[in-house]
Amino acid sequence: MIDFHTFFIRIQKATSITTQHDLAKALGVNRSAITQAKRRNSIPQKWVLALSRSFQLSTDWLEFGVGKQEAAIDPNLLENTATFTVPKVFARLCAGDGSFDVEATPIEEHIFKESWLAQKGTPSAMVLMDVVGDSMEPYICQGDTVLVDKSQQTLRPNVIYAVGTDDSIMVKRVEKEHGKITLTSDNPDYTPIIIQGDELLSFRVIGRVVWSARDY
């Protein structure tokens, strides 16, 4: 998991961002959100993706300091104007203790640029889902729609996933340790959920949250 100081130093070296105020402005968040991230000593995955897109930086370099600093963009993708239709399903992800609205029936479709989706994962494995609850605020809010890539199920630290336990589904940061899985919320009012023992048998990773949309 990337710590705040290391991340901020990388951003300062690679961009015009020099202060935490600059960082908040680049991300479109309040200055208090930066303070919270610094206090937790962790960086939301959503910020990594946003800065990668804004400054054409490699997400692996931003998170882990590996590979080239610049994002590797396939020129063919830039020229590709093809679109891809992603279904939005009835199931709703709970940013709380769990939602029982788990039906995967498509209720509508949304059109995206295929090259944009391909940079985030596997378009054919993606679905859109609505979020209910406030446990992931301020990064994912009540009423947001998230894009979930079901092909990305390998757990990575401090990354946001759509997950299921028994008959409920949630959106959480996931930490896998020996003998247990911890589901963490961004909202400090919510305590972590520990999955262990027989509960692990019903735990499943639906996919990684790679993007979110919000109505204003």
N, C-alpha and C. Protein backbone atom coordinates (compact mmCIF):
# COMPACT_ATOMS: atom_id res chain seq x y z
N MET A 1 0.84 -1.19 0.00
CA MET A 1 0.00 0.00 0.00
C MET A 1 0.88 1.24 0.00
N ILE A 2 0.65 2.18 -0.90
CA ILE A 2 1.46 3.37 -1.02
C ILE A 2 1.16 4.34 0.13
N ASP A 3 2.21 4.90 0.73
CA ASP A 3 2.01 5.87 1.79
C ASP A 3 1.90 7.27 1.20
N PHE A 4 1.32 8.17 1.95
CA PHE A 4 1.03 9.50 1.44
C PHE A 4 2.30 10.25 1.04
N HIS A 5 3.33 10.21 1.89
CA HIS A 5 4.54 10.96 1.62
C HIS A 5 5.21 10.52 0.31
N THR A 6 5.34 9.21 0.12
CA THR A 6 5.97 8.70 -1.10
C THR A 6 5.18 9.11 -2.33
N PHE A 7 3.86 8.98 -2.25
CA PHE A 7 3.00 9.35 -3.37
C PHE A 7 3.15 10.84 -3.69
N PHE A 8 3.13 11.68 -2.67
CA PHE A 8 3.19 13.13 -2.89
C PHE A 8 4.52 13.55 -3.50
N ILE A 9 5.61 12.92 -3.07
CA ILE A 9 6.92 13.21 -3.64
C ILE A 9 6.95 12.86 -5.12
N ARG A 10 6.38 11.69 -5.49
CA ARG A 10 6.34 11.29 -6.90
C ARG A 10 5.54 12.29 -7.73
N ILE A 11 4.41 12.72 -7.20
CA ILE A 11 3.57 13.67 -7.92
C ILE A 11 4.30 15.00 -8.11
N GLN A 12 5.00 15.46 -7.08
CA GLN A 12 5.73 16.71 -7.18
C GLN A 12 6.82 16.63 -8.26
N LYS A 13 7.49 15.49 -8.35
CA LYS A 13 8.56 15.33 -9.33
C LYS A 13 8.02 15.25 -10.75
N ALA A 14 6.84 14.69 -10.92
CA ALA A 14 6.33 14.39 -12.26
C ALA A 14 5.37 15.44 -12.82
N THR A 15 4.87 16.35 -11.97
CA THR A 15 3.85 17.30 -12.41
C THR A 15 4.17 18.71 -11.92
N SER A 16 3.25 19.60 -12.21
CA SER A 16 3.38 20.98 -11.73
C SER A 16 2.84 21.16 -10.32
N ILE A 17 2.37 20.08 -9.73
CA ILE A 17 1.84 20.14 -8.36
C ILE A 17 2.99 20.30 -7.37
N THR A 18 2.92 21.32 -6.53
CA THR A 18 3.98 21.56 -5.55
C THR A 18 3.47 21.58 -4.12
N THR A 19 2.18 21.82 -3.93
CA THR A 19 1.61 21.90 -2.59
C THR A 19 0.41 20.97 -2.47
N GLN A 20 -0.01 20.73 -1.24
CA GLN A 20 -1.20 19.92 -1.02
C GLN A 20 -2.45 20.63 -1.54
N HIS A 21 -2.43 21.96 -1.53
CA HIS A 21 -3.53 22.72 -2.13
C HIS A 21 -3.61 22.45 -3.63
N ASP A 22 -2.44 22.41 -4.28
CA ASP A 22 -2.40 22.08 -5.71
C ASP A 22 -2.97 20.69 -5.97
N LEU A 23 -2.63 19.76 -5.09
CA LEU A 23 -3.11 18.38 -5.26
C LEU A 23 -4.62 18.32 -5.15
N ALA A 24 -5.17 19.01 -4.15
CA ALA A 24 -6.62 19.03 -3.98
C ALA A 24 -7.30 19.62 -5.21
N LYS A 25 -6.72 20.69 -5.76
CA LYS A 25 -7.29 21.33 -6.94
C LYS A 25 -7.25 20.40 -8.15
N ALA A 26 -6.12 19.69 -8.32
CA ALA A 26 -5.99 18.77 -9.45
C ALA A 26 -6.97 17.62 -9.36
N LEU A 27 -7.28 17.19 -8.14
CA LEU A 27 -8.19 16.06 -7.94
C LEU A 27 -9.65 16.50 -7.89
N GLY A 28 -9.88 17.81 -7.70
CA GLY A 28 -11.24 18.30 -7.59
C GLY A 28 -11.88 17.93 -6.26
N VAL A 29 -11.07 17.89 -5.19
CA VAL A 29 -11.57 17.55 -3.86
C VAL A 29 -11.28 18.70 -2.91
N ASN A 30 -11.93 18.66 -1.74
CA ASN A 30 -11.67 19.66 -0.72
C ASN A 30 -10.30 19.44 -0.09
N ARG A 31 -9.72 20.51 0.44
CA ARG A 31 -8.42 20.40 1.11
C ARG A 31 -8.49 19.42 2.28
N SER A 32 -9.66 19.32 2.91
CA SER A 32 -9.82 18.40 4.05
C SER A 32 -9.64 16.95 3.63
N ALA A 33 -9.99 16.62 2.38
CA ALA A 33 -9.81 15.25 1.89
C ALA A 33 -8.33 14.89 1.84
N ILE A 34 -7.48 15.86 1.47
CA ILE A 34 -6.04 15.63 1.46
C ILE A 34 -5.54 15.42 2.88
N THR A 35 -6.05 16.22 3.81
CA THR A 35 -5.65 16.09 5.21
C THR A 35 -6.02 14.71 5.75
N GLN A 36 -7.21 14.22 5.39
CA GLN A 36 -7.65 12.90 5.85
C GLN A 36 -6.76 11.80 5.28
N ALA A 37 -6.40 11.92 4.00
CA ALA A 37 -5.53 10.92 3.38
C ALA A 37 -4.16 10.92 4.05
N LYS A 38 -3.65 12.11 4.36
CA LYS A 38 -2.36 12.22 5.03
C LYS A 38 -2.42 11.61 6.42
N ARG A 39 -3.53 11.83 7.13
CA ARG A 39 -3.69 11.28 8.47
C ARG A 39 -3.76 9.75 8.44
N ARG A 40 -4.46 9.21 7.42
CA ARG A 40 -4.55 7.75 7.29
C ARG A 40 -3.29 7.16 6.68
N ASN A 41 -2.46 8.02 6.09
CA ASN A 41 -1.23 7.61 5.42
C ASN A 41 -1.50 6.63 4.29
N SER A 42 -2.52 6.93 3.51
CA SER A 42 -2.85 6.09 2.36
C SER A 42 -3.51 6.94 1.28
N ILE A 43 -3.46 6.45 0.06
CA ILE A 43 -3.99 7.18 -1.09
C ILE A 43 -5.13 6.39 -1.74
N PRO A 44 -6.30 7.00 -1.91
CA PRO A 44 -7.40 6.31 -2.58
C PRO A 44 -7.03 5.93 -4.01
N GLN A 45 -7.43 4.75 -4.42
CA GLN A 45 -7.16 4.28 -5.77
C GLN A 45 -7.74 5.24 -6.81
N LYS A 46 -8.86 5.85 -6.47
CA LYS A 46 -9.51 6.78 -7.40
C LYS A 46 -8.59 7.96 -7.71
N TRP A 47 -7.80 8.38 -6.73
CA TRP A 47 -6.88 9.49 -6.95
C TRP A 47 -5.76 9.08 -7.90
N VAL A 48 -5.27 7.86 -7.73
CA VAL A 48 -4.21 7.36 -8.60
C VAL A 48 -4.68 7.37 -10.05
N LEU A 49 -5.88 6.87 -10.28
CA LEU A 49 -6.42 6.81 -11.63
C LEU A 49 -6.64 8.21 -12.20
N ALA A 50 -7.17 9.12 -11.38
CA ALA A 50 -7.44 10.47 -11.85
C ALA A 50 -6.16 11.19 -12.25
N LEU A 51 -5.12 11.09 -11.43
CA LEU A 51 -3.87 11.76 -11.73
C LEU A 51 -3.15 11.10 -12.91
N SER A 52 -3.31 9.79 -13.02
CA SER A 52 -2.72 9.08 -14.16
C SER A 52 -3.31 9.60 -15.47
N ARG A 53 -4.63 9.79 -15.49
CA ARG A 53 -5.28 10.28 -16.70
C ARG A 53 -4.93 11.75 -16.97
N SER A 54 -4.90 12.57 -15.91
CA SER A 54 -4.67 14.00 -16.08
C SER A 54 -3.26 14.32 -16.56
N PHE A 55 -2.27 13.54 -16.09
CA PHE A 55 -0.88 13.85 -16.39
C PHE A 55 -0.18 12.78 -17.22
N GLN A 56 -0.96 11.81 -17.75
CA GLN A 56 -0.42 10.74 -18.59
C GLN A 56 0.72 10.00 -17.87
N LEU A 57 0.44 9.60 -16.62
CA LEU A 57 1.42 8.87 -15.82
C LEU A 57 1.01 7.42 -15.67
N SER A 58 2.00 6.55 -15.54
CA SER A 58 1.74 5.13 -15.33
C SER A 58 1.18 4.89 -13.93
N THR A 59 0.09 4.15 -13.83
CA THR A 59 -0.48 3.86 -12.52
C THR A 59 0.47 2.98 -11.69
N ASP A 60 1.18 2.07 -12.35
CA ASP A 60 2.14 1.23 -11.62
C ASP A 60 3.28 2.07 -11.05
N TRP A 61 3.71 3.08 -11.81
CA TRP A 61 4.76 3.96 -11.30
C TRP A 61 4.26 4.81 -10.15
N LEU A 62 3.03 5.33 -10.27
CA LEU A 62 2.47 6.15 -9.21
C LEU A 62 2.30 5.36 -7.92
N GLU A 63 1.79 4.13 -8.03
CA GLU A 63 1.49 3.32 -6.85
C GLU A 63 2.71 2.62 -6.27
N PHE A 64 3.52 2.05 -7.15
CA PHE A 64 4.57 1.16 -6.68
C PHE A 64 5.99 1.61 -7.03
N GLY A 65 6.10 2.68 -7.84
CA GLY A 65 7.42 3.17 -8.21
C GLY A 65 8.15 2.26 -9.18
N VAL A 66 7.41 1.44 -9.94
CA VAL A 66 8.03 0.51 -10.87
C VAL A 66 7.69 0.90 -12.31
N GLY A 67 8.56 0.53 -13.23
CA GLY A 67 8.33 0.80 -14.64
C GLY A 67 8.60 2.25 -15.00
N LYS A 68 8.16 2.62 -16.19
CA LYS A 68 8.37 3.98 -16.67
C LYS A 68 7.36 4.93 -16.05
N GLN A 69 7.78 6.17 -15.91
CA GLN A 69 6.91 7.19 -15.33
C GLN A 69 5.71 7.49 -16.23
N GLU A 70 5.96 7.56 -17.53
CA GLU A 70 4.89 7.91 -18.46
C GLU A 70 4.00 6.70 -18.71
N ALA A 71 2.72 6.98 -18.91
CA ALA A 71 1.78 5.92 -19.22
C ALA A 71 2.06 5.37 -20.61
N ALA A 72 1.96 4.05 -20.74
CA ALA A 72 2.15 3.42 -22.04
C ALA A 72 0.80 3.35 -22.73
N ILE A 73 0.61 4.22 -23.70
CA ILE A 73 -0.68 4.29 -24.41
C ILE A 73 -0.50 3.77 -25.82
N ASP A 74 -1.29 2.81 -26.15
CA ASP A 74 -1.25 2.23 -27.50
C ASP A 74 -1.79 3.25 -28.51
N PRO A 75 -0.98 3.68 -29.48
CA PRO A 75 -1.45 4.65 -30.47
C PRO A 75 -2.72 4.20 -31.19
N ASN A 76 -2.87 2.90 -31.35
CA ASN A 76 -4.05 2.39 -32.03
C ASN A 76 -5.32 2.71 -31.24
N LEU A 77 -5.17 2.71 -29.87
CA LEU A 77 -6.33 3.01 -29.05
C LEU A 77 -6.73 4.47 -29.19
N LEU A 78 -5.75 5.35 -29.36
CA LEU A 78 -6.05 6.77 -29.48
C LEU A 78 -6.82 7.07 -30.75
N GLU A 79 -6.56 6.28 -31.81
CA GLU A 79 -7.22 6.51 -33.07
C GLU A 79 -8.56 5.78 -33.16
N ASN A 80 -8.78 4.89 -32.24
CA ASN A 80 -9.97 4.06 -32.29
C ASN A 80 -11.18 4.83 -31.75
N THR A 81 -12.19 5.04 -32.58
CA THR A 81 -13.39 5.74 -32.15
C THR A 81 -14.55 4.79 -31.91
N ALA A 82 -14.27 3.49 -31.90
CA ALA A 82 -15.33 2.50 -31.69
C ALA A 82 -15.91 2.64 -30.29
N THR A 83 -17.18 2.31 -30.18
CA THR A 83 -17.85 2.37 -28.88
C THR A 83 -18.18 0.97 -28.39
N PHE A 84 -18.44 0.88 -27.10
CA PHE A 84 -18.77 -0.40 -26.48
C PHE A 84 -19.91 -0.16 -25.50
N THR A 85 -20.87 -1.05 -25.51
CA THR A 85 -22.04 -0.92 -24.64
C THR A 85 -21.84 -1.72 -23.35
N VAL A 86 -21.97 -1.05 -22.23
CA VAL A 86 -21.82 -1.68 -20.92
C VAL A 86 -23.19 -1.74 -20.24
N PRO A 87 -23.60 -2.92 -19.77
CA PRO A 87 -24.90 -3.02 -19.11
C PRO A 87 -24.87 -2.48 -17.68
N LYS A 88 -25.97 -1.86 -17.30
CA LYS A 88 -26.17 -1.50 -15.90
C LYS A 88 -27.14 -2.51 -15.31
N VAL A 89 -26.75 -3.13 -14.19
CA VAL A 89 -27.55 -4.22 -13.64
C VAL A 89 -28.40 -3.73 -12.48
N PHE A 90 -29.43 -4.51 -12.17
CA PHE A 90 -30.35 -4.16 -11.10
C PHE A 90 -29.66 -4.19 -9.74
N ALA A 91 -28.70 -5.09 -9.57
CA ALA A 91 -28.02 -5.22 -8.28
C ALA A 91 -27.41 -3.89 -7.86
N ARG A 92 -27.52 -3.59 -6.56
CA ARG A 92 -26.96 -2.36 -6.02
C ARG A 92 -25.91 -2.68 -4.97
N LEU A 93 -24.80 -1.95 -5.06
CA LEU A 93 -23.72 -2.15 -4.10
C LEU A 93 -23.96 -1.28 -2.88
N CYS A 94 -23.85 -1.88 -1.72
CA CYS A 94 -24.07 -1.14 -0.49
C CYS A 94 -22.75 -0.59 0.04
N ALA A 95 -22.72 0.73 0.25
CA ALA A 95 -21.60 1.33 0.96
C ALA A 95 -22.04 1.43 2.41
N GLY A 96 -22.10 0.26 3.04
CA GLY A 96 -22.60 0.15 4.40
C GLY A 96 -22.39 -1.28 4.86
N ASP A 97 -23.45 -1.90 5.37
CA ASP A 97 -23.33 -3.26 5.91
C ASP A 97 -23.73 -4.35 4.93
N GLY A 98 -24.22 -3.97 3.75
CA GLY A 98 -24.56 -5.00 2.77
C GLY A 98 -25.93 -4.79 2.18
N SER A 99 -26.05 -4.99 0.88
CA SER A 99 -27.33 -4.84 0.20
C SER A 99 -27.83 -6.21 -0.25
N PHE A 100 -29.14 -6.39 -0.14
CA PHE A 100 -29.71 -7.65 -0.59
C PHE A 100 -30.27 -7.54 -2.01
N ASP A 101 -30.06 -6.39 -2.66
CA ASP A 101 -30.43 -6.22 -4.07
C ASP A 101 -29.29 -6.76 -4.92
N VAL A 102 -29.30 -8.06 -5.17
CA VAL A 102 -28.15 -8.70 -5.82
C VAL A 102 -28.48 -9.24 -7.21
N GLU A 103 -29.67 -8.95 -7.72
CA GLU A 103 -30.07 -9.48 -9.01
C GLU A 103 -29.22 -8.87 -10.12
N ALA A 104 -28.64 -9.74 -10.95
CA ALA A 104 -27.71 -9.29 -11.99
C ALA A 104 -28.40 -9.01 -13.32
N THR A 105 -29.72 -8.86 -13.31
CA THR A 105 -30.45 -8.61 -14.54
C THR A 105 -30.15 -7.21 -15.07
N PRO A 106 -29.74 -7.08 -16.34
CA PRO A 106 -29.49 -5.75 -16.91
C PRO A 106 -30.79 -4.93 -16.97
N ILE A 107 -30.70 -3.66 -16.59
CA ILE A 107 -31.89 -2.81 -16.62
C ILE A 107 -31.75 -1.69 -17.65
N GLU A 108 -30.52 -1.40 -18.06
CA GLU A 108 -30.28 -0.40 -19.10
C GLU A 108 -28.86 -0.56 -19.62
N GLU A 109 -28.53 0.17 -20.65
CA GLU A 109 -27.20 0.09 -21.25
C GLU A 109 -26.63 1.48 -21.42
N HIS A 110 -25.28 1.57 -21.29
CA HIS A 110 -24.60 2.84 -21.46
C HIS A 110 -23.45 2.66 -22.45
N ILE A 111 -23.25 3.65 -23.30
CA ILE A 111 -22.24 3.56 -24.35
C ILE A 111 -20.99 4.33 -23.92
N PHE A 112 -19.83 3.67 -24.04
CA PHE A 112 -18.54 4.27 -23.73
C PHE A 112 -17.63 4.13 -24.95
N LYS A 113 -16.59 4.95 -24.99
CA LYS A 113 -15.57 4.78 -26.00
C LYS A 113 -14.76 3.53 -25.65
N GLU A 114 -14.65 2.61 -26.58
CA GLU A 114 -14.02 1.32 -26.30
C GLU A 114 -12.56 1.47 -25.90
N SER A 115 -11.84 2.42 -26.51
CA SER A 115 -10.43 2.59 -26.18
C SER A 115 -10.25 3.06 -24.75
N TRP A 116 -11.19 3.87 -24.27
CA TRP A 116 -11.14 4.35 -22.87
C TRP A 116 -11.36 3.20 -21.90
N LEU A 117 -12.34 2.36 -22.21
CA LEU A 117 -12.59 1.20 -21.36
C LEU A 117 -11.40 0.25 -21.36
N ALA A 118 -10.78 0.07 -22.53
CA ALA A 118 -9.68 -0.89 -22.65
C ALA A 118 -8.47 -0.48 -21.81
N GLN A 119 -8.31 0.82 -21.58
CA GLN A 119 -7.21 1.26 -20.74
C GLN A 119 -7.46 0.95 -19.26
N LYS A 120 -8.70 0.68 -18.91
CA LYS A 120 -9.05 0.39 -17.52
C LYS A 120 -9.18 -1.10 -17.23
N GLY A 121 -9.34 -1.92 -18.28
CA GLY A 121 -9.49 -3.34 -18.04
C GLY A 121 -10.09 -4.04 -19.24
N THR A 122 -11.01 -4.95 -18.98
CA THR A 122 -11.62 -5.77 -20.03
C THR A 122 -13.06 -5.32 -20.26
N PRO A 123 -13.33 -4.59 -21.34
CA PRO A 123 -14.67 -4.04 -21.56
C PRO A 123 -15.79 -5.08 -21.48
N SER A 124 -15.55 -6.27 -22.05
CA SER A 124 -16.61 -7.28 -22.08
C SER A 124 -16.94 -7.83 -20.69
N ALA A 125 -16.08 -7.56 -19.71
CA ALA A 125 -16.31 -8.06 -18.35
C ALA A 125 -16.85 -6.97 -17.42
N MET A 126 -17.20 -5.82 -17.98
CA MET A 126 -17.59 -4.69 -17.14
C MET A 126 -19.10 -4.56 -17.00
N VAL A 127 -19.52 -4.11 -15.82
CA VAL A 127 -20.93 -3.79 -15.56
C VAL A 127 -20.99 -2.50 -14.75
N LEU A 128 -22.09 -1.82 -14.86
CA LEU A 128 -22.36 -0.62 -14.06
C LEU A 128 -23.31 -0.98 -12.93
N MET A 129 -23.05 -0.44 -11.73
CA MET A 129 -23.89 -0.71 -10.57
C MET A 129 -24.06 0.57 -9.76
N ASP A 130 -25.26 0.77 -9.22
CA ASP A 130 -25.51 1.92 -8.36
C ASP A 130 -25.05 1.63 -6.94
N VAL A 131 -24.72 2.68 -6.22
CA VAL A 131 -24.24 2.57 -4.84
C VAL A 131 -25.26 3.19 -3.90
N VAL A 132 -25.56 2.49 -2.81
CA VAL A 132 -26.42 3.03 -1.76
C VAL A 132 -25.62 3.06 -0.46
N GLY A 133 -25.81 4.11 0.32
CA GLY A 133 -25.10 4.22 1.59
C GLY A 133 -23.92 5.17 1.51
N ASP A 134 -23.37 5.51 2.67
CA ASP A 134 -22.34 6.55 2.75
C ASP A 134 -21.02 6.08 3.34
N SER A 135 -20.80 4.77 3.44
CA SER A 135 -19.59 4.30 4.12
C SER A 135 -18.31 4.56 3.34
N MET A 136 -18.43 4.82 2.02
CA MET A 136 -17.23 5.06 1.23
C MET A 136 -17.04 6.55 0.92
N GLU A 137 -17.84 7.41 1.53
CA GLU A 137 -17.66 8.84 1.32
C GLU A 137 -16.37 9.32 1.98
N PRO A 138 -15.69 10.32 1.40
CA PRO A 138 -16.19 11.20 0.34
C PRO A 138 -15.85 10.75 -1.07
N TYR A 139 -15.26 9.58 -1.25
CA TYR A 139 -14.76 9.17 -2.57
C TYR A 139 -15.83 8.50 -3.41
N ILE A 140 -16.66 7.69 -2.79
CA ILE A 140 -17.84 7.14 -3.46
C ILE A 140 -19.03 7.47 -2.58
N CYS A 141 -20.03 8.13 -3.17
CA CYS A 141 -21.14 8.66 -2.38
C CYS A 141 -22.45 7.95 -2.70
N GLN A 142 -23.41 8.15 -1.82
CA GLN A 142 -24.76 7.67 -2.02
C GLN A 142 -25.26 8.11 -3.39
N GLY A 143 -25.74 7.17 -4.19
CA GLY A 143 -26.28 7.50 -5.50
C GLY A 143 -25.29 7.45 -6.64
N ASP A 144 -24.00 7.29 -6.35
CA ASP A 144 -23.01 7.18 -7.42
C ASP A 144 -23.23 5.90 -8.22
N THR A 145 -22.78 5.91 -9.45
CA THR A 145 -22.75 4.70 -10.28
C THR A 145 -21.29 4.33 -10.50
N VAL A 146 -20.95 3.08 -10.25
CA VAL A 146 -19.57 2.65 -10.41
C VAL A 146 -19.45 1.64 -11.54
N LEU A 147 -18.28 1.66 -12.17
CA LEU A 147 -17.96 0.72 -13.24
C LEU A 147 -17.10 -0.38 -12.65
N VAL A 148 -17.57 -1.60 -12.71
CA VAL A 148 -16.89 -2.73 -12.10
C VAL A 148 -16.35 -3.67 -13.19
N ASP A 149 -15.06 -3.96 -13.12
CA ASP A 149 -14.44 -4.89 -14.06
C ASP A 149 -14.35 -6.26 -13.39
N LYS A 150 -15.20 -7.17 -13.83
CA LYS A 150 -15.27 -8.49 -13.20
C LYS A 150 -14.07 -9.37 -13.53
N SER A 151 -13.24 -8.94 -14.49
CA SER A 151 -12.04 -9.72 -14.81
C SER A 151 -10.91 -9.46 -13.81
N GLN A 152 -11.03 -8.40 -13.02
CA GLN A 152 -10.00 -8.05 -12.04
C GLN A 152 -10.46 -8.47 -10.65
N GLN A 153 -10.12 -9.70 -10.28
CA GLN A 153 -10.56 -10.25 -9.00
C GLN A 153 -9.40 -10.58 -8.07
N THR A 154 -8.17 -10.37 -8.52
CA THR A 154 -7.02 -10.60 -7.65
C THR A 154 -6.90 -9.43 -6.69
N LEU A 155 -6.94 -9.71 -5.40
CA LEU A 155 -6.97 -8.66 -4.40
C LEU A 155 -5.62 -7.96 -4.29
N ARG A 156 -5.67 -6.62 -4.32
CA ARG A 156 -4.48 -5.78 -4.12
C ARG A 156 -4.78 -4.82 -2.98
N PRO A 157 -3.79 -4.52 -2.16
CA PRO A 157 -4.01 -3.67 -0.98
C PRO A 157 -4.57 -2.29 -1.33
N ASN A 158 -5.53 -1.85 -0.51
CA ASN A 158 -6.08 -0.50 -0.58
C ASN A 158 -6.78 -0.19 -1.89
N VAL A 159 -7.22 -1.21 -2.59
CA VAL A 159 -7.97 -1.04 -3.84
C VAL A 159 -9.44 -1.29 -3.54
N ILE A 160 -10.31 -0.57 -4.22
CA ILE A 160 -11.75 -0.71 -3.99
C ILE A 160 -12.33 -1.81 -4.88
N TYR A 161 -13.07 -2.71 -4.26
CA TYR A 161 -13.70 -3.82 -4.98
C TYR A 161 -15.19 -3.91 -4.66
N ALA A 162 -15.92 -4.50 -5.58
CA ALA A 162 -17.27 -4.95 -5.29
C ALA A 162 -17.15 -6.40 -4.81
N VAL A 163 -17.68 -6.67 -3.63
CA VAL A 163 -17.54 -8.00 -3.04
C VAL A 163 -18.88 -8.50 -2.53
N GLY A 164 -18.97 -9.80 -2.31
CA GLY A 164 -20.19 -10.39 -1.80
C GLY A 164 -19.93 -11.30 -0.63
N THR A 165 -20.86 -11.32 0.30
CA THR A 165 -20.84 -12.27 1.42
C THR A 165 -22.25 -12.78 1.59
N ASP A 166 -22.40 -14.10 1.55
CA ASP A 166 -23.73 -14.70 1.61
C ASP A 166 -24.62 -14.09 0.53
N ASP A 167 -25.74 -13.44 0.93
CA ASP A 167 -26.68 -12.88 -0.04
C ASP A 167 -26.59 -11.36 -0.13
N SER A 168 -25.50 -10.77 0.31
CA SER A 168 -25.36 -9.33 0.24
C SER A 168 -24.10 -8.95 -0.54
N ILE A 169 -24.11 -7.75 -1.12
CA ILE A 169 -22.96 -7.27 -1.87
C ILE A 169 -22.61 -5.86 -1.39
N MET A 170 -21.33 -5.55 -1.42
CA MET A 170 -20.84 -4.28 -0.89
C MET A 170 -19.73 -3.73 -1.76
N VAL A 171 -19.41 -2.46 -1.55
CA VAL A 171 -18.24 -1.85 -2.17
C VAL A 171 -17.32 -1.42 -1.03
N LYS A 172 -16.08 -1.94 -1.03
CA LYS A 172 -15.16 -1.72 0.08
C LYS A 172 -13.72 -1.78 -0.41
N ARG A 173 -12.83 -1.23 0.41
CA ARG A 173 -11.41 -1.53 0.25
C ARG A 173 -11.18 -2.88 0.91
N VAL A 174 -10.32 -3.70 0.33
CA VAL A 174 -10.16 -5.08 0.78
C VAL A 174 -8.70 -5.36 1.12
N GLU A 175 -8.47 -5.89 2.30
CA GLU A 175 -7.14 -6.32 2.71
C GLU A 175 -7.19 -7.81 3.01
N LYS A 176 -6.33 -8.58 2.35
CA LYS A 176 -6.29 -10.02 2.57
C LYS A 176 -5.08 -10.36 3.42
N GLU A 177 -5.33 -11.00 4.55
CA GLU A 177 -4.27 -11.44 5.44
C GLU A 177 -4.42 -12.94 5.68
N HIS A 178 -3.47 -13.50 6.41
CA HIS A 178 -3.51 -14.92 6.69
C HIS A 178 -4.76 -15.27 7.51
N GLY A 179 -5.65 -16.03 6.89
CA GLY A 179 -6.81 -16.53 7.61
C GLY A 179 -7.97 -15.56 7.72
N LYS A 180 -7.86 -14.37 7.14
CA LYS A 180 -8.98 -13.44 7.24
C LYS A 180 -8.93 -12.39 6.13
N ILE A 181 -10.07 -11.77 5.90
CA ILE A 181 -10.19 -10.67 4.94
C ILE A 181 -10.85 -9.51 5.66
N THR A 182 -10.27 -8.33 5.52
CA THR A 182 -10.81 -7.14 6.17
C THR A 182 -11.40 -6.21 5.12
N LEU A 183 -12.67 -5.83 5.33
CA LEU A 183 -13.36 -4.89 4.45
C LEU A 183 -13.38 -3.53 5.15
N THR A 184 -12.77 -2.53 4.51
CA THR A 184 -12.60 -1.23 5.14
C THR A 184 -13.37 -0.15 4.40
N SER A 185 -13.99 0.74 5.16
CA SER A 185 -14.71 1.88 4.61
C SER A 185 -13.83 3.12 4.65
N ASP A 186 -14.10 4.09 3.76
CA ASP A 186 -13.39 5.36 3.80
C ASP A 186 -14.00 6.31 4.83
N ASN A 187 -15.27 6.15 5.09
CA ASN A 187 -15.95 6.95 6.10
C ASN A 187 -15.54 6.44 7.48
N PRO A 188 -14.88 7.28 8.31
CA PRO A 188 -14.38 6.81 9.60
C PRO A 188 -15.48 6.43 10.59
N ASP A 189 -16.74 6.73 10.28
CA ASP A 189 -17.84 6.35 11.17
C ASP A 189 -18.14 4.86 11.11
N TYR A 190 -17.58 4.17 10.13
CA TYR A 190 -17.83 2.74 9.96
C TYR A 190 -16.61 1.94 10.39
N THR A 191 -16.83 0.92 11.17
CA THR A 191 -15.74 0.05 11.61
C THR A 191 -15.48 -1.02 10.55
N PRO A 192 -14.26 -1.52 10.44
CA PRO A 192 -13.95 -2.56 9.46
C PRO A 192 -14.78 -3.83 9.70
N ILE A 193 -15.04 -4.52 8.62
CA ILE A 193 -15.74 -5.81 8.68
C ILE A 193 -14.71 -6.92 8.50
N ILE A 194 -14.66 -7.84 9.44
CA ILE A 194 -13.70 -8.94 9.39
C ILE A 194 -14.39 -10.20 8.89
N ILE A 195 -13.87 -10.79 7.83
CA ILE A 195 -14.38 -12.05 7.29
C ILE A 195 -13.36 -13.14 7.62
N GLN A 196 -13.77 -14.14 8.37
CA GLN A 196 -12.85 -15.21 8.75
C GLN A 196 -13.62 -16.49 9.03
N GLY A 197 -12.88 -17.57 9.22
CA GLY A 197 -13.50 -18.86 9.52
C GLY A 197 -14.42 -19.32 8.40
N ASP A 198 -15.58 -19.84 8.79
CA ASP A 198 -16.55 -20.34 7.81
C ASP A 198 -17.11 -19.24 6.92
N GLU A 199 -17.03 -17.99 7.37
CA GLU A 199 -17.53 -16.87 6.57
C GLU A 199 -16.77 -16.73 5.25
N LEU A 200 -15.51 -17.19 5.25
CA LEU A 200 -14.71 -17.09 4.04
C LEU A 200 -15.28 -17.93 2.90
N LEU A 201 -16.04 -18.97 3.25
CA LEU A 201 -16.60 -19.87 2.23
C LEU A 201 -17.61 -19.15 1.35
N SER A 202 -18.29 -18.15 1.90
CA SER A 202 -19.30 -17.44 1.13
C SER A 202 -18.79 -16.11 0.58
N PHE A 203 -17.55 -15.76 0.88
CA PHE A 203 -16.99 -14.50 0.39
C PHE A 203 -16.60 -14.64 -1.07
N ARG A 204 -16.88 -13.62 -1.85
CA ARG A 204 -16.52 -13.64 -3.27
C ARG A 204 -16.18 -12.22 -3.71
N VAL A 205 -15.26 -12.13 -4.65
CA VAL A 205 -14.90 -10.85 -5.26
C VAL A 205 -15.65 -10.74 -6.58
N ILE A 206 -16.48 -9.72 -6.70
CA ILE A 206 -17.23 -9.51 -7.93
C ILE A 206 -16.33 -8.87 -8.99
N GLY A 207 -15.54 -7.89 -8.56
CA GLY A 207 -14.63 -7.23 -9.49
C GLY A 207 -14.09 -5.93 -8.89
N ARG A 208 -13.16 -5.35 -9.58
CA ARG A 208 -12.54 -4.11 -9.13
C ARG A 208 -13.33 -2.90 -9.64
N VAL A 209 -13.50 -1.92 -8.77
CA VAL A 209 -14.14 -0.67 -9.17
C VAL A 209 -13.09 0.17 -9.88
N VAL A 210 -13.32 0.45 -11.16
CA VAL A 210 -12.32 1.16 -11.96
C VAL A 210 -12.72 2.60 -12.31
N TRP A 211 -13.97 2.97 -11.98
CA TRP A 211 -14.43 4.32 -12.30
C TRP A 211 -15.75 4.56 -11.61
N SER A 212 -16.06 5.82 -11.33
CA SER A 212 -17.36 6.14 -10.75
C SER A 212 -17.90 7.43 -11.37
N ALA A 213 -19.22 7.53 -11.40
CA ALA A 213 -19.90 8.70 -11.96
C ALA A 213 -20.86 9.24 -10.92
N ARG A 214 -21.04 10.56 -10.95
CA ARG A 214 -21.89 11.20 -9.94
C ARG A 214 -22.75 12.27 -10.61
N ASP A 215 -24.04 12.28 -10.25
CA ASP A 215 -24.94 13.33 -10.72
C ASP A 215 -24.92 14.50 -9.74
N TYR A 216 -24.98 15.71 -10.28
CA TYR A 216 -25.02 16.91 -9.43
C TYR A 216 -26.28 17.70 -9.74
